[in-house]
Amino acid sequence: MGHIIHDTSNLVARLRRIKGQVEGVERSLETFGECTEILRQIASIRGAMTGLTIEVLKEHLRSHIVKATNDTSREKAAEEMIQILQSYLK
């Protein structure tokens, strides 16, 4: 059930920044960096991933639930969203 994400370039840019942050943590671990700084970097990555997740979830809700063409599609998309949220919030 794919759909076009309207701001793909922004999402890809976010993901690339996250990738850079993860690589920074890797370097810090390899060079025995300060634990507090590594923890700050990890918290920053978590926040960035949450922001990215929210943007993709919003697009999914708009495309597959709000703009669904029939009740069956809407119900299926809602059930998928419930499963995704259950997985995400574990």
PDB file of N, CA and C in Angstrom:
ATOM      1  N   MET A   1       0.853  -1.183   0.000  1.00  0.00           N
ATOM      2  CA  MET A   1       0.000   0.000   0.000  1.00  0.00           C
ATOM      3  C   MET A   1       0.894   1.239   0.000  1.00  0.00           C
ATOM      4  N   GLY A   2       1.579   1.482  -1.101  1.00  0.00           N
ATOM      5  CA  GLY A   2       2.449   2.632  -1.184  1.00  0.00           C
ATOM      6  C   GLY A   2       1.689   3.884  -1.569  1.00  0.00           C
ATOM      7  N   HIS A   3       2.311   4.994  -1.316  1.00  0.00           N
ATOM      8  CA  HIS A   3       1.729   6.263  -1.720  1.00  0.00           C
ATOM      9  C   HIS A   3       2.851   7.269  -1.907  1.00  0.00           C
ATOM     10  N   ILE A   4       2.529   8.331  -2.536  1.00  0.00           N
ATOM     11  CA  ILE A   4       3.522   9.368  -2.785  1.00  0.00           C
ATOM     12  C   ILE A   4       3.616  10.252  -1.548  1.00  0.00           C
ATOM     13  N   ILE A   5       4.822  10.364  -1.029  1.00  0.00           N
ATOM     14  CA  ILE A   5       5.060  11.289   0.074  1.00  0.00           C
ATOM     15  C   ILE A   5       5.412  12.623  -0.568  1.00  0.00           C
ATOM     16  N   HIS A   6       4.665  13.657  -0.185  1.00  0.00           N
ATOM     17  CA  HIS A   6       4.777  14.944  -0.853  1.00  0.00           C
ATOM     18  C   HIS A   6       6.141  15.608  -0.683  1.00  0.00           C
ATOM     19  N   ASP A   7       6.783  15.435   0.445  1.00  0.00           N
ATOM     20  CA  ASP A   7       8.037  16.143   0.698  1.00  0.00           C
ATOM     21  C   ASP A   7       9.180  15.153   0.883  1.00  0.00           C
ATOM     22  N   THR A   8       9.366  14.302  -0.106  1.00  0.00           N
ATOM     23  CA  THR A   8      10.374  13.259  -0.033  1.00  0.00           C
ATOM     24  C   THR A   8      11.765  13.825   0.193  1.00  0.00           C
ATOM     25  N   SER A   9      12.118  14.902  -0.474  1.00  0.00           N
ATOM     26  CA  SER A   9      13.471  15.453  -0.339  1.00  0.00           C
ATOM     27  C   SER A   9      13.745  15.885   1.094  1.00  0.00           C
ATOM     28  N   ASN A  10      12.755  16.438   1.780  1.00  0.00           N
ATOM     29  CA  ASN A  10      12.925  16.830   3.178  1.00  0.00           C
ATOM     30  C   ASN A  10      13.123  15.603   4.060  1.00  0.00           C
ATOM     31  N   LEU A  11      12.347  14.551   3.807  1.00  0.00           N
ATOM     32  CA  LEU A  11      12.473  13.333   4.603  1.00  0.00           C
ATOM     33  C   LEU A  11      13.826  12.656   4.380  1.00  0.00           C
ATOM     34  N   VAL A  12      14.283  12.637   3.137  1.00  0.00           N
ATOM     35  CA  VAL A  12      15.590  12.049   2.836  1.00  0.00           C
ATOM     36  C   VAL A  12      16.698  12.870   3.505  1.00  0.00           C
ATOM     37  N   ALA A  13      16.570  14.192   3.490  1.00  0.00           N
ATOM     38  CA  ALA A  13      17.557  15.047   4.155  1.00  0.00           C
ATOM     39  C   ALA A  13      17.585  14.773   5.653  1.00  0.00           C
ATOM     40  N   ARG A  14      16.408  14.608   6.253  1.00  0.00           N
ATOM     41  CA  ARG A  14      16.337  14.264   7.684  1.00  0.00           C
ATOM     42  C   ARG A  14      17.054  12.947   7.942  1.00  0.00           C
ATOM     43  N   LEU A  15      16.785  11.970   7.101  1.00  0.00           N
ATOM     44  CA  LEU A  15      17.381  10.648   7.269  1.00  0.00           C
ATOM     45  C   LEU A  15      18.902  10.709   7.118  1.00  0.00           C
ATOM     46  N   ARG A  16      19.379  11.498   6.210  1.00  0.00           N
ATOM     47  CA  ARG A  16      20.832  11.641   6.032  1.00  0.00           C
ATOM     48  C   ARG A  16      21.476  12.293   7.255  1.00  0.00           C
ATOM     49  N   ARG A  17      20.789  13.266   7.863  1.00  0.00           N
ATOM     50  CA  ARG A  17      21.309  13.877   9.086  1.00  0.00           C
ATOM     51  C   ARG A  17      21.366  12.841  10.213  1.00  0.00           C
ATOM     52  N   ILE A  18      20.329  12.011  10.294  1.00  0.00           N
ATOM     53  CA  ILE A  18      20.308  10.958  11.308  1.00  0.00           C
ATOM     54  C   ILE A  18      21.464   9.985  11.079  1.00  0.00           C
ATOM     55  N   LYS A  19      21.680   9.633   9.820  1.00  0.00           N
ATOM     56  CA  LYS A  19      22.790   8.740   9.473  1.00  0.00           C
ATOM     57  C   LYS A  19      24.115   9.344   9.936  1.00  0.00           C
ATOM     58  N   GLY A  20      24.285  10.632   9.728  1.00  0.00           N
ATOM     59  CA  GLY A  20      25.496  11.311  10.180  1.00  0.00           C
ATOM     60  C   GLY A  20      25.625  11.282  11.697  1.00  0.00           C
ATOM     61  N   GLN A  21      24.506  11.453  12.381  1.00  0.00           N
ATOM     62  CA  GLN A  21      24.526  11.397  13.843  1.00  0.00           C
ATOM     63  C   GLN A  21      24.925  10.006  14.336  1.00  0.00           C
ATOM     64  N   VAL A  22      24.384   8.974  13.702  1.00  0.00           N
ATOM     65  CA  VAL A  22      24.717   7.600  14.083  1.00  0.00           C
ATOM     66  C   VAL A  22      26.200   7.337  13.840  1.00  0.00           C
ATOM     67  N   GLU A  23      26.701   7.807  12.721  1.00  0.00           N
ATOM     68  CA  GLU A  23      28.130   7.635  12.433  1.00  0.00           C
ATOM     69  C   GLU A  23      28.978   8.373  13.465  1.00  0.00           C
ATOM     70  N   GLY A  24      28.492   9.521  13.947  1.00  0.00           N
ATOM     71  CA  GLY A  24      29.196  10.261  14.990  1.00  0.00           C
ATOM     72  C   GLY A  24      29.259   9.469  16.289  1.00  0.00           C
ATOM     73  N   VAL A  25      28.181   8.809  16.648  1.00  0.00           N
ATOM     74  CA  VAL A  25      28.180   7.962  17.852  1.00  0.00           C
ATOM     75  C   VAL A  25      29.164   6.810  17.668  1.00  0.00           C
ATOM     76  N   GLU A  26      29.161   6.231  16.487  1.00  0.00           N
ATOM     77  CA  GLU A  26      30.085   5.135  16.214  1.00  0.00           C
ATOM     78  C   GLU A  26      31.536   5.595  16.405  1.00  0.00           C
ATOM     79  N   ARG A  27      31.870   6.749  15.852  1.00  0.00           N
ATOM     80  CA  ARG A  27      33.224   7.287  16.011  1.00  0.00           C
ATOM     81  C   ARG A  27      33.548   7.543  17.484  1.00  0.00           C
ATOM     82  N   SER A  28      32.586   8.105  18.204  1.00  0.00           N
ATOM     83  CA  SER A  28      32.807   8.382  19.629  1.00  0.00           C
ATOM     84  C   SER A  28      33.062   7.102  20.411  1.00  0.00           C
ATOM     85  N   LEU A  29      32.320   6.057  20.088  1.00  0.00           N
ATOM     86  CA  LEU A  29      32.520   4.782  20.773  1.00  0.00           C
ATOM     87  C   LEU A  29      33.893   4.184  20.436  1.00  0.00           C
ATOM     88  N   GLU A  30      34.266   4.282  19.179  1.00  0.00           N
ATOM     89  CA  GLU A  30      35.556   3.727  18.752  1.00  0.00           C
ATOM     90  C   GLU A  30      36.740   4.459  19.377  1.00  0.00           C
ATOM     91  N   THR A  31      36.552   5.739  19.673  1.00  0.00           N
ATOM     92  CA  THR A  31      37.645   6.539  20.251  1.00  0.00           C
ATOM     93  C   THR A  31      37.484   6.738  21.749  1.00  0.00           C
ATOM     94  N   PHE A  32      36.597   5.939  22.359  1.00  0.00           N
ATOM     95  CA  PHE A  32      36.370   5.994  23.805  1.00  0.00           C
ATOM     96  C   PHE A  32      35.984   7.396  24.268  1.00  0.00           C
ATOM     97  N   GLY A  33      35.008   7.973  23.564  1.00  0.00           N
ATOM     98  CA  GLY A  33      34.515   9.305  23.900  1.00  0.00           C
ATOM     99  C   GLY A  33      33.829   9.327  25.254  1.00  0.00           C
ATOM    100  N   GLU A  34      33.529  10.538  25.687  1.00  0.00           N
ATOM    101  CA  GLU A  34      32.858  10.725  26.967  1.00  0.00           C
ATOM    102  C   GLU A  34      31.457  10.121  26.946  1.00  0.00           C
ATOM    103  N   CYS A  35      31.147   9.376  27.977  1.00  0.00           N
ATOM    104  CA  CYS A  35      29.831   8.720  28.067  1.00  0.00           C
ATOM    105  C   CYS A  35      28.689   9.728  27.986  1.00  0.00           C
ATOM    106  N   THR A  36      28.821  10.846  28.684  1.00  0.00           N
ATOM    107  CA  THR A  36      27.733  11.827  28.681  1.00  0.00           C
ATOM    108  C   THR A  36      27.497  12.397  27.296  1.00  0.00           C
ATOM    109  N   GLU A  37      28.557  12.630  26.556  1.00  0.00           N
ATOM    110  CA  GLU A  37      28.399  13.151  25.195  1.00  0.00           C
ATOM    111  C   GLU A  37      27.760  12.107  24.284  1.00  0.00           C
ATOM    112  N   ILE A  38      28.159  10.862  24.436  1.00  0.00           N
ATOM    113  CA  ILE A  38      27.577   9.784  23.637  1.00  0.00           C
ATOM    114  C   ILE A  38      26.088   9.662  23.949  1.00  0.00           C
ATOM    115  N   LEU A  39      25.736   9.740  25.218  1.00  0.00           N
ATOM    116  CA  LEU A  39      24.324   9.667  25.603  1.00  0.00           C
ATOM    117  C   LEU A  39      23.530  10.840  25.034  1.00  0.00           C
ATOM    118  N   ARG A  40      24.124  12.028  25.025  1.00  0.00           N
ATOM    119  CA  ARG A  40      23.451  13.191  24.410  1.00  0.00           C
ATOM    120  C   ARG A  40      23.222  12.960  22.921  1.00  0.00           C
ATOM    121  N   GLN A  41      24.228  12.415  22.255  1.00  0.00           N
ATOM    122  CA  GLN A  41      24.099  12.128  20.829  1.00  0.00           C
ATOM    123  C   GLN A  41      22.999  11.100  20.576  1.00  0.00           C
ATOM    124  N   ILE A  42      22.937  10.077  21.409  1.00  0.00           N
ATOM    125  CA  ILE A  42      21.902   9.049  21.256  1.00  0.00           C
ATOM    126  C   ILE A  42      20.519   9.656  21.480  1.00  0.00           C
ATOM    127  N   ALA A  43      20.386  10.515  22.487  1.00  0.00           N
ATOM    128  CA  ALA A  43      19.101  11.180  22.741  1.00  0.00           C
ATOM    129  C   ALA A  43      18.702  12.047  21.556  1.00  0.00           C
ATOM    130  N   SER A  44      19.680  12.699  20.953  1.00  0.00           N
ATOM    131  CA  SER A  44      19.421  13.531  19.783  1.00  0.00           C
ATOM    132  C   SER A  44      18.945  12.680  18.606  1.00  0.00           C
ATOM    133  N   ILE A  45      19.564  11.533  18.424  1.00  0.00           N
ATOM    134  CA  ILE A  45      19.154  10.615  17.356  1.00  0.00           C
ATOM    135  C   ILE A  45      17.725  10.143  17.593  1.00  0.00           C
ATOM    136  N   ARG A  46      17.434   9.807  18.831  1.00  0.00           N
ATOM    137  CA  ARG A  46      16.080   9.358  19.155  1.00  0.00           C
ATOM    138  C   ARG A  46      15.053  10.441  18.816  1.00  0.00           C
ATOM    139  N   GLY A  47      15.345  11.668  19.185  1.00  0.00           N
ATOM    140  CA  GLY A  47      14.440  12.767  18.863  1.00  0.00           C
ATOM    141  C   GLY A  47      14.278  12.956  17.365  1.00  0.00           C
ATOM    142  N   ALA A  48      15.372  12.844  16.634  1.00  0.00           N
ATOM    143  CA  ALA A  48      15.322  12.992  15.179  1.00  0.00           C
ATOM    144  C   ALA A  48      14.510  11.866  14.541  1.00  0.00           C
ATOM    145  N   MET A  49      14.671  10.650  15.038  1.00  0.00           N
ATOM    146  CA  MET A  49      13.891   9.523  14.516  1.00  0.00           C
ATOM    147  C   MET A  49      12.409   9.697  14.830  1.00  0.00           C
ATOM    148  N   THR A  50      12.113  10.193  16.013  1.00  0.00           N
ATOM    149  CA  THR A  50      10.714  10.436  16.372  1.00  0.00           C
ATOM    150  C   THR A  50      10.101  11.469  15.430  1.00  0.00           C
ATOM    151  N   GLY A  51      10.836  12.536  15.159  1.00  0.00           N
ATOM    152  CA  GLY A  51      10.344  13.561  14.235  1.00  0.00           C
ATOM    153  C   GLY A  51      10.099  13.006  12.845  1.00  0.00           C
ATOM    154  N   LEU A  52      11.010  12.199  12.355  1.00  0.00           N
ATOM    155  CA  LEU A  52      10.852  11.570  11.044  1.00  0.00           C
ATOM    156  C   LEU A  52       9.641  10.635  11.039  1.00  0.00           C
ATOM    157  N   THR A  53       9.516   9.849  12.081  1.00  0.00           N
ATOM    158  CA  THR A  53       8.388   8.923  12.190  1.00  0.00           C
ATOM    159  C   THR A  53       7.062   9.673  12.174  1.00  0.00           C
ATOM    160  N   ILE A  54       6.982  10.757  12.914  1.00  0.00           N
ATOM    161  CA  ILE A  54       5.752  11.549  12.965  1.00  0.00           C
ATOM    162  C   ILE A  54       5.382  12.066  11.584  1.00  0.00           C
ATOM    163  N   GLU A  55       6.350  12.556  10.837  1.00  0.00           N
ATOM    164  CA  GLU A  55       6.064  13.074   9.496  1.00  0.00           C
ATOM    165  C   GLU A  55       5.528  11.985   8.578  1.00  0.00           C
ATOM    166  N   VAL A  56       6.122  10.806   8.621  1.00  0.00           N
ATOM    167  CA  VAL A  56       5.655   9.710   7.770  1.00  0.00           C
ATOM    168  C   VAL A  56       4.278   9.223   8.229  1.00  0.00           C
ATOM    169  N   LEU A  57       4.059   9.153   9.537  1.00  0.00           N
ATOM    170  CA  LEU A  57       2.743   8.760  10.053  1.00  0.00           C
ATOM    171  C   LEU A  57       1.659   9.746   9.621  1.00  0.00           C
ATOM    172  N   LYS A  58       1.956  11.036   9.699  1.00  0.00           N
ATOM    173  CA  LYS A  58       0.972  12.039   9.279  1.00  0.00           C
ATOM    174  C   LYS A  58       0.611  11.866   7.815  1.00  0.00           C
ATOM    175  N   GLU A  59       1.600  11.639   6.986  1.00  0.00           N
ATOM    176  CA  GLU A  59       1.347  11.446   5.558  1.00  0.00           C
ATOM    177  C   GLU A  59       0.506  10.192   5.322  1.00  0.00           C
ATOM    178  N   HIS A  60       0.818   9.138   6.063  1.00  0.00           N
ATOM    179  CA  HIS A  60       0.042   7.903   5.935  1.00  0.00           C
ATOM    180  C   HIS A  60      -1.418   8.144   6.336  1.00  0.00           C
ATOM    181  N   LEU A  61      -1.629   8.810   7.443  1.00  0.00           N
ATOM    182  CA  LEU A  61      -2.993   9.096   7.894  1.00  0.00           C
ATOM    183  C   LEU A  61      -3.759   9.915   6.862  1.00  0.00           C
ATOM    184  N   ARG A  62      -3.116  10.937   6.336  1.00  0.00           N
ATOM    185  CA  ARG A  62      -3.780  11.788   5.341  1.00  0.00           C
ATOM    186  C   ARG A  62      -4.103  11.015   4.063  1.00  0.00           C
ATOM    187  N   SER A  63      -3.148  10.234   3.599  1.00  0.00           N
ATOM    188  CA  SER A  63      -3.308   9.555   2.313  1.00  0.00           C
ATOM    189  C   SER A  63      -4.222   8.343   2.368  1.00  0.00           C
ATOM    190  N   HIS A  64      -4.177   7.601   3.452  1.00  0.00           N
ATOM    191  CA  HIS A  64      -4.867   6.315   3.479  1.00  0.00           C
ATOM    192  C   HIS A  64      -6.099   6.270   4.370  1.00  0.00           C
ATOM    193  N   ILE A  65      -6.235   7.223   5.261  1.00  0.00           N
ATOM    194  CA  ILE A  65      -7.418   7.218   6.127  1.00  0.00           C
ATOM    195  C   ILE A  65      -8.313   8.404   5.803  1.00  0.00           C
ATOM    196  N   VAL A  66      -7.773   9.592   5.854  1.00  0.00           N
ATOM    197  CA  VAL A  66      -8.581  10.785   5.589  1.00  0.00           C
ATOM    198  C   VAL A  66      -9.101  10.792   4.153  1.00  0.00           C
ATOM    199  N   LYS A  67      -8.234  10.437   3.198  1.00  0.00           N
ATOM    200  CA  LYS A  67      -8.620  10.501   1.784  1.00  0.00           C
ATOM    201  C   LYS A  67      -9.039   9.144   1.215  1.00  0.00           C
ATOM    202  N   ALA A  68      -9.324   8.182   2.077  1.00  0.00           N
ATOM    203  CA  ALA A  68      -9.749   6.859   1.597  1.00  0.00           C
ATOM    204  C   ALA A  68     -11.023   6.999   0.775  1.00  0.00           C
ATOM    205  N   THR A  69     -11.105   6.218  -0.262  1.00  0.00           N
ATOM    206  CA  THR A  69     -12.251   6.331  -1.172  1.00  0.00           C
ATOM    207  C   THR A  69     -13.451   5.511  -0.736  1.00  0.00           C
ATOM    208  N   ASN A  70     -13.237   4.580   0.209  1.00  0.00           N
ATOM    209  CA  ASN A  70     -14.373   3.791   0.705  1.00  0.00           C
ATOM    210  C   ASN A  70     -14.085   3.320   2.127  1.00  0.00           C
ATOM    211  N   ASP A  71     -15.122   2.837   2.783  1.00  0.00           N
ATOM    212  CA  ASP A  71     -15.000   2.419   4.185  1.00  0.00           C
ATOM    213  C   ASP A  71     -14.067   1.226   4.352  1.00  0.00           C
ATOM    214  N   THR A  72     -14.061   0.322   3.403  1.00  0.00           N
ATOM    215  CA  THR A  72     -13.195  -0.852   3.504  1.00  0.00           C
ATOM    216  C   THR A  72     -11.727  -0.438   3.498  1.00  0.00           C
ATOM    217  N   SER A  73     -11.361   0.446   2.598  1.00  0.00           N
ATOM    218  CA  SER A  73      -9.989   0.946   2.538  1.00  0.00           C
ATOM    219  C   SER A  73      -9.629   1.695   3.811  1.00  0.00           C
ATOM    220  N   ARG A  74     -10.551   2.496   4.275  1.00  0.00           N
ATOM    221  CA  ARG A  74     -10.324   3.284   5.501  1.00  0.00           C
ATOM    222  C   ARG A  74     -10.120   2.360   6.701  1.00  0.00           C
ATOM    223  N   GLU A  75     -10.962   1.347   6.821  1.00  0.00           N
ATOM    224  CA  GLU A  75     -10.847   0.407   7.945  1.00  0.00           C
ATOM    225  C   GLU A  75      -9.537  -0.373   7.885  1.00  0.00           C
ATOM    226  N   LYS A  76      -9.143  -0.796   6.692  1.00  0.00           N
ATOM    227  CA  LYS A  76      -7.880  -1.528   6.535  1.00  0.00           C
ATOM    228  C   LYS A  76      -6.703  -0.642   6.920  1.00  0.00           C
ATOM    229  N   ALA A  77      -6.706   0.596   6.440  1.00  0.00           N
ATOM    230  CA  ALA A  77      -5.620   1.527   6.750  1.00  0.00           C
ATOM    231  C   ALA A  77      -5.578   1.848   8.240  1.00  0.00           C
ATOM    232  N   ALA A  78      -6.740   1.971   8.863  1.00  0.00           N
ATOM    233  CA  ALA A  78      -6.796   2.247  10.298  1.00  0.00           C
ATOM    234  C   ALA A  78      -6.221   1.069  11.086  1.00  0.00           C
ATOM    235  N   GLU A  79      -6.569  -0.138  10.678  1.00  0.00           N
ATOM    236  CA  GLU A  79      -6.036  -1.324  11.362  1.00  0.00           C
ATOM    237  C   GLU A  79      -4.520  -1.409  11.202  1.00  0.00           C
ATOM    238  N   GLU A  80      -4.023  -1.096  10.013  1.00  0.00           N
ATOM    239  CA  GLU A  80      -2.572  -1.075   9.796  1.00  0.00           C
ATOM    240  C   GLU A  80      -1.914  -0.043  10.708  1.00  0.00           C
ATOM    241  N   MET A  81      -2.538   1.123  10.839  1.00  0.00           N
ATOM    242  CA  MET A  81      -1.993   2.174  11.687  1.00  0.00           C
ATOM    243  C   MET A  81      -1.964   1.723  13.145  1.00  0.00           C
ATOM    244  N   ILE A  82      -3.000   1.042  13.587  1.00  0.00           N
ATOM    245  CA  ILE A  82      -3.043   0.526  14.959  1.00  0.00           C
ATOM    246  C   ILE A  82      -1.873  -0.427  15.189  1.00  0.00           C
ATOM    247  N   GLN A  83      -1.631  -1.317  14.251  1.00  0.00           N
ATOM    248  CA  GLN A  83      -0.525  -2.275  14.387  1.00  0.00           C
ATOM    249  C   GLN A  83       0.832  -1.559  14.405  1.00  0.00           C
ATOM    250  N   ILE A  84       0.988  -0.557  13.562  1.00  0.00           N
ATOM    251  CA  ILE A  84       2.231   0.205  13.529  1.00  0.00           C
ATOM    252  C   ILE A  84       2.463   0.923  14.852  1.00  0.00           C
ATOM    253  N   LEU A  85       1.420   1.565  15.360  1.00  0.00           N
ATOM    254  CA  LEU A  85       1.543   2.281  16.623  1.00  0.00           C
ATOM    255  C   LEU A  85       1.839   1.334  17.774  1.00  0.00           C
ATOM    256  N   GLN A  86       1.221   0.164  17.785  1.00  0.00           N
ATOM    257  CA  GLN A  86       1.511  -0.814  18.835  1.00  0.00           C
ATOM    258  C   GLN A  86       2.976  -1.221  18.790  1.00  0.00           C
ATOM    259  N   SER A  87       3.494  -1.440  17.609  1.00  0.00           N
ATOM    260  CA  SER A  87       4.899  -1.806  17.451  1.00  0.00           C
ATOM    261  C   SER A  87       5.815  -0.659  17.869  1.00  0.00           C
ATOM    262  N   TYR A  88       5.467   0.535  17.464  1.00  0.00           N
ATOM    263  CA  TYR A  88       6.296   1.721  17.750  1.00  0.00           C
ATOM    264  C   TYR A  88       6.333   2.039  19.232  1.00  0.00           C
ATOM    265  N   LEU A  89       5.223   1.837  19.918  1.00  0.00           N
ATOM    266  CA  LEU A  89       5.131   2.229  21.324  1.00  0.00           C
ATOM    267  C   LEU A  89       5.567   1.139  22.301  1.00  0.00           C
ATOM    268  N   LYS A  90       6.067   0.030  21.808  1.00  0.00           N
ATOM    269  CA  LYS A  90       6.558  -1.034  22.702  1.00  0.00           C
ATOM    270  C   LYS A  90       7.793  -0.572  23.436  1.00  0.00           C
TER     271      LYS A  90
END
